[in-house]
Amino acid sequence: MRLFWAPNTRSMRVLWMLEEIGAPYERVLVDLKAGAQHTADYHAINPMEKVPALQDGASCVAESGAIIAYLAEKFPEAGLAPPVGAAMRGRYLQWLFFSGSCIEGAIAQKFTGAQMPEGTAGWGSFDRVFNVLEEVLSATPYLLGGKFSAADVLIGADLHFAIDVFKMLEPRPVFASYLERCQSRPAFQRAAEINSDGI
């Protein structure tokens, strides 16, 4: 497997996931400043010309949430996704989609200062998105209860960037505890080191 990535991007989510599953992979650094994402070769891998993207033999997957779902299914022995038919599978899928559908929109709205009626925006509002996360994480250590999953990779990475990196969200005690659990994982620490080294 080859991960096309760049430091300090959404690639961090996939780095973390790859470190969680423990399968061998090659990192291919995409020099965004030099415009390497706009080449014909990279366009064939990810037509959106963004990072991350994963090439696995003949398969190419872009969009970090899709890559994480792909890896969770390809490596079921890692135990990061409930199997099809399991009771928690629905909530697992909900949280995978929540990242791109709700958190991304809420952060973009906050960053740009755009005004949208709560009933029109798919995510409702910035406050609603993070209040919902606070509600679930007040009741359980992880999104699916007591067990860490691929959904926590996505949401944990989102909260890390919103709170620790961009300082767009106040560090609520529930989020601080959740991030401490996530960031204490050796896979997160390895991914963060790779991300900071840029290699």
C-alpha atoms as a PDB file:
ATOM      1  CA  MET A   1       0.000   0.000   0.000  1.00  0.00           C
ATOM      2  CA  ARG A   2       1.160   3.514  -0.828  1.00  0.00           C
ATOM      3  CA  LEU A   3      -0.086   6.547   1.067  1.00  0.00           C
ATOM      4  CA  PHE A   4       0.130   9.826  -0.824  1.00  0.00           C
ATOM      5  CA  TRP A   5       0.303  12.452   1.875  1.00  0.00           C
ATOM      6  CA  ALA A   6       1.610  15.784   3.103  1.00  0.00           C
ATOM      7  CA  PRO A   7       2.276  16.985   6.655  1.00  0.00           C
ATOM      8  CA  ASN A   8      -0.312  19.020   8.546  1.00  0.00           C
ATOM      9  CA  THR A   9      -3.205  17.977   6.331  1.00  0.00           C
ATOM     10  CA  ARG A  10      -6.051  15.482   6.606  1.00  0.00           C
ATOM     11  CA  SER A  11      -3.363  12.886   5.881  1.00  0.00           C
ATOM     12  CA  MET A  12      -2.820  12.728   9.654  1.00  0.00           C
ATOM     13  CA  ARG A  13      -6.079  10.786   9.973  1.00  0.00           C
ATOM     14  CA  VAL A  14      -4.895   8.084   7.582  1.00  0.00           C
ATOM     15  CA  LEU A  15      -1.387   7.955   9.033  1.00  0.00           C
ATOM     16  CA  TRP A  16      -2.980   7.257  12.394  1.00  0.00           C
ATOM     17  CA  MET A  17      -5.242   4.559  10.932  1.00  0.00           C
ATOM     18  CA  LEU A  18      -2.363   2.862   9.129  1.00  0.00           C
ATOM     19  CA  GLU A  19      -0.350   2.840  12.327  1.00  0.00           C
ATOM     20  CA  GLU A  20      -3.337   1.360  14.180  1.00  0.00           C
ATOM     21  CA  ILE A  21      -3.730  -1.556  11.769  1.00  0.00           C
ATOM     22  CA  GLY A  22       0.014  -2.226  11.707  1.00  0.00           C
ATOM     23  CA  ALA A  23       0.186  -3.300   8.042  1.00  0.00           C
ATOM     24  CA  PRO A  24       3.227  -2.297   6.010  1.00  0.00           C
ATOM     25  CA  TYR A  25       2.814   0.772   3.816  1.00  0.00           C
ATOM     26  CA  GLU A  26       4.945   3.221   1.886  1.00  0.00           C
ATOM     27  CA  ARG A  27       4.621   6.961   2.327  1.00  0.00           C
ATOM     28  CA  VAL A  28       4.810   9.071  -0.823  1.00  0.00           C
ATOM     29  CA  LEU A  29       5.242  12.735   0.039  1.00  0.00           C
ATOM     30  CA  VAL A  30       3.244  15.046  -2.236  1.00  0.00           C
ATOM     31  CA  ASP A  31       4.912  18.466  -2.363  1.00  0.00           C
ATOM     32  CA  LEU A  32       1.884  20.737  -2.264  1.00  0.00           C
ATOM     33  CA  LYS A  33       3.942  23.939  -2.441  1.00  0.00           C
ATOM     34  CA  ALA A  34       5.561  22.747  -5.668  1.00  0.00           C
ATOM     35  CA  GLY A  35       2.171  21.784  -7.120  1.00  0.00           C
ATOM     36  CA  ALA A  36       2.912  18.039  -7.239  1.00  0.00           C
ATOM     37  CA  GLN A  37      -0.775  17.335  -6.620  1.00  0.00           C
ATOM     38  CA  HIS A  38      -1.635  18.855 -10.016  1.00  0.00           C
ATOM     39  CA  THR A  39       0.326  16.390 -12.148  1.00  0.00           C
ATOM     40  CA  ALA A  40      -1.402  14.000 -14.534  1.00  0.00           C
ATOM     41  CA  ASP A  41      -0.017  11.014 -12.609  1.00  0.00           C
ATOM     42  CA  TYR A  42      -1.453  12.194  -9.319  1.00  0.00           C
ATOM     43  CA  HIS A  43      -4.723  13.278 -10.939  1.00  0.00           C
ATOM     44  CA  ALA A  44      -5.170   9.641 -12.006  1.00  0.00           C
ATOM     45  CA  ILE A  45      -4.893   8.605  -8.342  1.00  0.00           C
ATOM     46  CA  ASN A  46      -7.069  11.397  -6.918  1.00  0.00           C
ATOM     47  CA  PRO A  47      -8.969  13.540  -9.432  1.00  0.00           C
ATOM     48  CA  MET A  48      -9.629  16.111  -6.683  1.00  0.00           C
ATOM     49  CA  GLU A  49      -5.829  16.628  -6.557  1.00  0.00           C
ATOM     50  CA  LYS A  50      -5.758  16.676  -2.774  1.00  0.00           C
ATOM     51  CA  VAL A  51      -4.148  14.538  -0.100  1.00  0.00           C
ATOM     52  CA  PRO A  52      -4.464  11.939   1.252  1.00  0.00           C
ATOM     53  CA  ALA A  53      -4.943   9.166  -1.259  1.00  0.00           C
ATOM     54  CA  LEU A  54      -4.211   5.458  -0.937  1.00  0.00           C
ATOM     55  CA  GLN A  55      -3.069   3.105  -3.683  1.00  0.00           C
ATOM     56  CA  ASP A  56      -3.456  -0.560  -2.876  1.00  0.00           C
ATOM     57  CA  GLY A  57      -2.491  -2.624  -5.891  1.00  0.00           C
ATOM     58  CA  ALA A  58      -5.048  -1.786  -8.562  1.00  0.00           C
ATOM     59  CA  SER A  59      -7.291   0.016  -6.072  1.00  0.00           C
ATOM     60  CA  CYS A  60      -7.116   3.759  -5.483  1.00  0.00           C
ATOM     61  CA  VAL A  61      -9.092   5.424  -2.696  1.00  0.00           C
ATOM     62  CA  ALA A  62      -9.303   9.129  -1.909  1.00  0.00           C
ATOM     63  CA  GLU A  63     -11.187  11.035   0.810  1.00  0.00           C
ATOM     64  CA  SER A  64      -9.799  10.337   4.268  1.00  0.00           C
ATOM     65  CA  GLY A  65     -13.064   8.926   5.635  1.00  0.00           C
ATOM     66  CA  ALA A  66     -13.339   6.501   2.721  1.00  0.00           C
ATOM     67  CA  ILE A  67      -9.708   5.451   3.134  1.00  0.00           C
ATOM     68  CA  ILE A  68     -10.259   4.758   6.833  1.00  0.00           C
ATOM     69  CA  ALA A  69     -13.410   2.726   6.097  1.00  0.00           C
ATOM     70  CA  TYR A  70     -11.524   0.819   3.379  1.00  0.00           C
ATOM     71  CA  LEU A  71      -8.658  -0.018   5.732  1.00  0.00           C
ATOM     72  CA  ALA A  72     -10.976  -1.078   8.562  1.00  0.00           C
ATOM     73  CA  GLU A  73     -12.691  -3.536   6.223  1.00  0.00           C
ATOM     74  CA  LYS A  74      -9.487  -4.760   4.584  1.00  0.00           C
ATOM     75  CA  PHE A  75      -7.931  -5.508   7.980  1.00  0.00           C
ATOM     76  CA  PRO A  76     -10.781  -6.842  10.146  1.00  0.00           C
ATOM     77  CA  GLU A  77      -8.265  -8.496  12.459  1.00  0.00           C
ATOM     78  CA  ALA A  78      -7.406  -5.005  13.776  1.00  0.00           C
ATOM     79  CA  GLY A  79     -10.916  -4.905  15.272  1.00  0.00           C
ATOM     80  CA  LEU A  80     -11.555  -1.280  14.345  1.00  0.00           C
ATOM     81  CA  ALA A  81     -15.017  -1.698  12.812  1.00  0.00           C
ATOM     82  CA  PRO A  82     -18.099  -3.644  13.859  1.00  0.00           C
ATOM     83  CA  PRO A  83     -18.840  -6.382  11.312  1.00  0.00           C
ATOM     84  CA  VAL A  84     -21.723  -6.028   8.878  1.00  0.00           C
ATOM     85  CA  GLY A  85     -24.903  -7.015  10.700  1.00  0.00           C
ATOM     86  CA  ALA A  86     -23.606  -6.086  14.172  1.00  0.00           C
ATOM     87  CA  ALA A  87     -25.849  -3.846  16.261  1.00  0.00           C
ATOM     88  CA  MET A  88     -23.217  -1.093  16.511  1.00  0.00           C
ATOM     89  CA  ARG A  89     -22.567  -1.025  12.745  1.00  0.00           C
ATOM     90  CA  GLY A  90     -25.167   1.700  12.198  1.00  0.00           C
ATOM     91  CA  ARG A  91     -23.681   4.050  14.779  1.00  0.00           C
ATOM     92  CA  TYR A  92     -20.196   3.302  13.463  1.00  0.00           C
ATOM     93  CA  LEU A  93     -21.213   4.377   9.956  1.00  0.00           C
ATOM     94  CA  GLN A  94     -22.990   7.418  11.369  1.00  0.00           C
ATOM     95  CA  TRP A  95     -19.814   8.647  13.050  1.00  0.00           C
ATOM     96  CA  LEU A  96     -17.680   7.945   9.971  1.00  0.00           C
ATOM     97  CA  PHE A  97     -19.996  10.155   7.909  1.00  0.00           C
ATOM     98  CA  PHE A  98     -20.402  12.719  10.716  1.00  0.00           C
ATOM     99  CA  SER A  99     -16.805  13.805  10.243  1.00  0.00           C
ATOM    100  CA  GLY A 100     -17.163  14.925   6.627  1.00  0.00           C
ATOM    101  CA  SER A 101     -20.853  15.807   6.696  1.00  0.00           C
ATOM    102  CA  CYS A 102     -21.041  17.741   9.959  1.00  0.00           C
ATOM    103  CA  ILE A 103     -17.660  18.572  11.478  1.00  0.00           C
ATOM    104  CA  GLU A 104     -16.093  19.794   8.228  1.00  0.00           C
ATOM    105  CA  GLY A 105     -19.070  22.032   7.459  1.00  0.00           C
ATOM    106  CA  ALA A 106     -19.243  23.406  10.981  1.00  0.00           C
ATOM    107  CA  ILE A 107     -15.536  24.244  11.001  1.00  0.00           C
ATOM    108  CA  ALA A 108     -15.724  25.863   7.555  1.00  0.00           C
ATOM    109  CA  GLN A 109     -18.691  27.944   8.720  1.00  0.00           C
ATOM    110  CA  LYS A 110     -16.841  29.077  11.854  1.00  0.00           C
ATOM    111  CA  PHE A 111     -13.608  29.794   9.962  1.00  0.00           C
ATOM    112  CA  THR A 112     -15.288  31.900   7.263  1.00  0.00           C
ATOM    113  CA  GLY A 113     -17.892  33.504   9.496  1.00  0.00           C
ATOM    114  CA  ALA A 114     -20.590  32.457   7.034  1.00  0.00           C
ATOM    115  CA  GLN A 115     -24.137  32.881   8.274  1.00  0.00           C
ATOM    116  CA  MET A 116     -26.553  30.043   7.505  1.00  0.00           C
ATOM    117  CA  PRO A 117     -29.928  29.205   9.000  1.00  0.00           C
ATOM    118  CA  GLU A 118     -29.585  26.145  11.242  1.00  0.00           C
ATOM    119  CA  GLY A 119     -32.427  24.444   9.401  1.00  0.00           C
ATOM    120  CA  THR A 120     -30.657  24.852   6.046  1.00  0.00           C
ATOM    121  CA  ALA A 121     -27.138  23.691   6.899  1.00  0.00           C
ATOM    122  CA  GLY A 122     -26.736  19.907   6.846  1.00  0.00           C
ATOM    123  CA  TRP A 123     -24.728  20.132  10.065  1.00  0.00           C
ATOM    124  CA  GLY A 124     -27.198  22.461  11.778  1.00  0.00           C
ATOM    125  CA  SER A 125     -24.690  24.763  13.464  1.00  0.00           C
ATOM    126  CA  PHE A 126     -21.181  24.773  14.879  1.00  0.00           C
ATOM    127  CA  ASP A 127     -22.529  24.578  18.427  1.00  0.00           C
ATOM    128  CA  ARG A 128     -24.958  21.753  17.641  1.00  0.00           C
ATOM    129  CA  VAL A 129     -22.211  19.596  16.100  1.00  0.00           C
ATOM    130  CA  PHE A 130     -19.919  19.854  19.095  1.00  0.00           C
ATOM    131  CA  ASN A 131     -22.731  19.645  21.636  1.00  0.00           C
ATOM    132  CA  VAL A 132     -23.761  16.324  20.064  1.00  0.00           C
ATOM    133  CA  LEU A 133     -20.181  15.050  20.349  1.00  0.00           C
ATOM    134  CA  GLU A 134     -19.984  16.232  23.944  1.00  0.00           C
ATOM    135  CA  GLU A 135     -23.225  14.418  24.718  1.00  0.00           C
ATOM    136  CA  VAL A 136     -22.070  11.041  23.412  1.00  0.00           C
ATOM    137  CA  LEU A 137     -18.557  11.316  24.854  1.00  0.00           C
ATOM    138  CA  SER A 138     -19.976  12.259  28.265  1.00  0.00           C
ATOM    139  CA  ALA A 139     -21.692   8.878  28.374  1.00  0.00           C
ATOM    140  CA  THR A 140     -18.968   6.601  26.967  1.00  0.00           C
ATOM    141  CA  PRO A 141     -15.164   6.647  26.654  1.00  0.00           C
ATOM    142  CA  TYR A 142     -15.328   6.203  22.881  1.00  0.00           C
ATOM    143  CA  LEU A 143     -17.950   6.802  20.217  1.00  0.00           C
ATOM    144  CA  LEU A 144     -19.097   3.169  20.220  1.00  0.00           C
ATOM    145  CA  GLY A 145     -18.906   2.693  23.957  1.00  0.00           C
ATOM    146  CA  GLY A 146     -15.908   1.158  25.675  1.00  0.00           C
ATOM    147  CA  LYS A 147     -14.096   0.086  22.501  1.00  0.00           C
ATOM    148  CA  PHE A 148     -11.909   2.303  20.320  1.00  0.00           C
ATOM    149  CA  SER A 149     -12.821   2.147  16.618  1.00  0.00           C
ATOM    150  CA  ALA A 150     -11.934   3.656  13.255  1.00  0.00           C
ATOM    151  CA  ALA A 151     -14.647   6.246  13.925  1.00  0.00           C
ATOM    152  CA  ASP A 152     -12.525   7.512  16.818  1.00  0.00           C
ATOM    153  CA  VAL A 153      -9.594   7.925  14.439  1.00  0.00           C
ATOM    154  CA  LEU A 154     -11.640  10.333  12.324  1.00  0.00           C
ATOM    155  CA  ILE A 155     -13.407  12.198  15.124  1.00  0.00           C
ATOM    156  CA  GLY A 156     -10.347  12.159  17.389  1.00  0.00           C
ATOM    157  CA  ALA A 157      -8.246  13.680  14.604  1.00  0.00           C
ATOM    158  CA  ASP A 158     -10.958  16.275  13.932  1.00  0.00           C
ATOM    159  CA  LEU A 159     -11.068  17.323  17.580  1.00  0.00           C
ATOM    160  CA  HIS A 160      -7.273  17.397  17.742  1.00  0.00           C
ATOM    161  CA  PHE A 161      -7.151  19.858  14.852  1.00  0.00           C
ATOM    162  CA  ALA A 162     -10.138  21.939  16.031  1.00  0.00           C
ATOM    163  CA  ILE A 163      -8.836  22.273  19.602  1.00  0.00           C
ATOM    164  CA  ASP A 164      -5.069  21.759  19.600  1.00  0.00           C
ATOM    165  CA  VAL A 165      -4.029  23.043  16.179  1.00  0.00           C
ATOM    166  CA  PHE A 166      -6.546  25.652  14.989  1.00  0.00           C
ATOM    167  CA  LYS A 167      -7.815  26.706  18.466  1.00  0.00           C
ATOM    168  CA  MET A 168     -11.340  27.027  17.017  1.00  0.00           C
ATOM    169  CA  LEU A 169     -13.061  25.088  19.765  1.00  0.00           C
ATOM    170  CA  GLU A 170     -12.847  25.577  23.503  1.00  0.00           C
ATOM    171  CA  PRO A 171     -11.182  22.595  25.216  1.00  0.00           C
ATOM    172  CA  ARG A 172     -14.236  21.269  27.056  1.00  0.00           C
ATOM    173  CA  PRO A 173     -13.355  18.793  29.836  1.00  0.00           C
ATOM    174  CA  VAL A 174     -15.088  15.910  28.029  1.00  0.00           C
ATOM    175  CA  PHE A 175     -13.073  16.581  24.870  1.00  0.00           C
ATOM    176  CA  ALA A 176      -9.848  16.946  26.837  1.00  0.00           C
ATOM    177  CA  SER A 177     -10.388  13.502  28.417  1.00  0.00           C
ATOM    178  CA  TYR A 178     -11.296  11.937  25.087  1.00  0.00           C
ATOM    179  CA  LEU A 179      -8.256  13.430  23.363  1.00  0.00           C
ATOM    180  CA  GLU A 180      -6.031  12.228  26.191  1.00  0.00           C
ATOM    181  CA  ARG A 181      -7.298   8.673  25.633  1.00  0.00           C
ATOM    182  CA  CYS A 182      -6.855   8.937  21.866  1.00  0.00           C
ATOM    183  CA  GLN A 183      -3.477  10.651  21.964  1.00  0.00           C
ATOM    184  CA  SER A 184      -2.068   8.180  24.474  1.00  0.00           C
ATOM    185  CA  ARG A 185      -2.398   5.436  21.880  1.00  0.00           C
ATOM    186  CA  PRO A 186       1.014   4.441  20.486  1.00  0.00           C
ATOM    187  CA  ALA A 187      -0.374   4.556  16.927  1.00  0.00           C
ATOM    188  CA  PHE A 188      -1.427   8.190  17.353  1.00  0.00           C
ATOM    189  CA  GLN A 189       1.973   9.070  18.766  1.00  0.00           C
ATOM    190  CA  ARG A 190       3.776   7.408  15.845  1.00  0.00           C
ATOM    191  CA  ALA A 191       1.536   9.183  13.339  1.00  0.00           C
ATOM    192  CA  ALA A 192       2.050  12.543  15.066  1.00  0.00           C
ATOM    193  CA  GLU A 193       5.813  12.037  14.951  1.00  0.00           C
ATOM    194  CA  ILE A 194       5.697  11.212  11.220  1.00  0.00           C
ATOM    195  CA  ASN A 195       3.458  14.222  10.646  1.00  0.00           C
ATOM    196  CA  SER A 196       5.760  16.595  12.506  1.00  0.00           C
ATOM    197  CA  ASP A 197       8.921  15.264  10.872  1.00  0.00           C
ATOM    198  CA  GLY A 198       7.407  15.498   7.393  1.00  0.00           C
ATOM    199  CA  ILE A 199       9.159  12.322   6.241  1.00  0.00           C
END
